[in-house]
């Protein structure tokens, strides 16, 4: 009985041989419930809002209006039928 106990004890490592979490480093996958998101500064929020909701600057608009194409609009000219040409 003593021999079987000693044999089992040889297979179990001592507490100093276990790897500790500090030794594993930060390359391990982190828990999303306990990790913090990066801090957002007020200046970053202002820059983000300016980019997202900002108005166009000077010279961004072209004052030349392009003619619009009316889709589905009928021609207002004289209507000539096929029969009248015959």
Protein backbone atom coordinates (compact mmCIF):
# COMPACT_ATOMS: atom_id res chain seq x y z
CA UNK A 1 0.00 0.00 0.00
CA UNK A 2 2.83 2.35 0.78
CA UNK A 3 4.44 1.64 -2.60
CA UNK A 4 1.26 2.51 -4.51
CA UNK A 5 1.00 5.77 -2.52
CA UNK A 6 4.61 6.71 -3.32
CA UNK A 7 4.13 5.83 -6.99
CA UNK A 8 1.04 8.08 -7.23
CA UNK A 9 2.90 10.86 -5.44
CA UNK A 10 5.69 10.74 -8.05
CA UNK A 11 3.18 11.34 -10.86
CA UNK A 12 1.61 14.42 -9.21
CA UNK A 13 3.79 17.56 -9.62
CA UNK A 14 4.60 19.74 -6.65
CA UNK A 15 2.87 23.14 -6.26
CA UNK A 16 6.02 24.97 -7.36
CA UNK A 17 5.97 23.18 -10.73
CA UNK A 18 2.55 24.50 -11.78
CA UNK A 19 2.50 27.46 -14.16
CA UNK A 20 1.17 30.62 -12.57
CA UNK A 21 -1.01 33.07 -14.49
CA UNK A 22 1.62 35.81 -14.09
CA UNK A 23 4.17 33.60 -15.85
CA UNK A 24 1.83 32.96 -18.75
CA UNK A 25 1.89 36.64 -19.73
CA UNK A 26 -0.70 38.66 -21.63
CA UNK A 27 -0.73 36.47 -24.73
CA UNK A 28 -3.59 34.48 -23.26
CA UNK A 29 -7.11 35.18 -24.42
CA UNK A 30 -8.65 37.75 -22.10
CA UNK A 31 -12.05 37.50 -20.53
CA UNK A 32 -14.39 40.10 -22.13
CA UNK A 33 -16.32 40.45 -18.89
CA UNK A 34 -13.32 41.69 -16.94
CA UNK A 35 -11.30 43.59 -19.55
CA UNK A 36 -11.66 47.33 -19.83
CA UNK A 37 -12.31 49.21 -23.03
CA UNK A 38 -9.95 52.03 -23.95
CA UNK A 39 -10.77 55.40 -22.45
CA UNK A 40 -12.43 57.90 -24.74
CA UNK A 41 -11.33 61.48 -24.21
CA UNK A 42 -13.61 64.46 -24.77
CA UNK A 43 -11.40 65.78 -27.59
CA UNK A 44 -11.72 62.45 -29.43
CA UNK A 45 -15.51 62.60 -29.11
CA UNK A 46 -15.56 66.14 -30.54
CA UNK A 47 -13.34 65.14 -33.48
CA UNK A 48 -15.49 62.09 -34.19
CA UNK A 49 -18.69 64.16 -34.14
CA UNK A 50 -17.14 66.83 -36.38
CA UNK A 51 -16.19 64.19 -38.91
CA UNK A 52 -19.58 62.46 -38.72
CA UNK A 53 -21.94 65.45 -38.51
CA UNK A 54 -19.74 68.29 -39.81
CA UNK A 55 -20.81 70.73 -42.49
CA UNK A 56 -18.87 71.00 -45.74
CA UNK A 57 -16.19 73.66 -45.86
CA UNK A 58 -15.79 76.65 -48.13
CA UNK A 59 -15.73 75.80 -51.85
CA UNK A 60 -17.18 72.33 -51.48
CA UNK A 61 -20.35 73.09 -53.40
CA UNK A 62 -20.44 73.63 -57.15
CA UNK A 63 -22.73 76.47 -58.15
CA UNK A 64 -23.21 75.12 -61.67
CA UNK A 65 -26.59 73.41 -61.79
CA UNK A 66 -26.80 70.42 -64.07
CA UNK A 67 -29.98 69.96 -66.12
CA UNK A 68 -32.26 67.40 -64.58
CA UNK A 69 -33.58 64.53 -66.63
CA UNK A 70 -37.26 64.03 -66.02
CA UNK A 71 -38.00 60.35 -66.01
CA UNK A 72 -41.47 59.36 -67.15
CA UNK A 73 -42.38 62.87 -68.27
CA UNK A 74 -44.16 63.16 -71.61
CA UNK A 75 -42.97 65.35 -74.44
CA UNK A 76 -44.94 68.61 -74.60
CA UNK A 77 -44.39 69.06 -78.35
CA UNK A 78 -46.89 68.48 -81.14
CA UNK A 79 -48.21 64.93 -81.24
CA UNK A 80 -47.93 63.36 -84.66
CA UNK A 81 -49.49 59.97 -85.14
CA UNK A 82 -48.51 57.28 -87.62
CA UNK A 83 -51.83 57.61 -89.49
CA UNK A 84 -51.40 61.31 -90.17
CA UNK A 85 -48.09 60.67 -91.96
CA UNK A 86 -49.68 58.24 -94.41
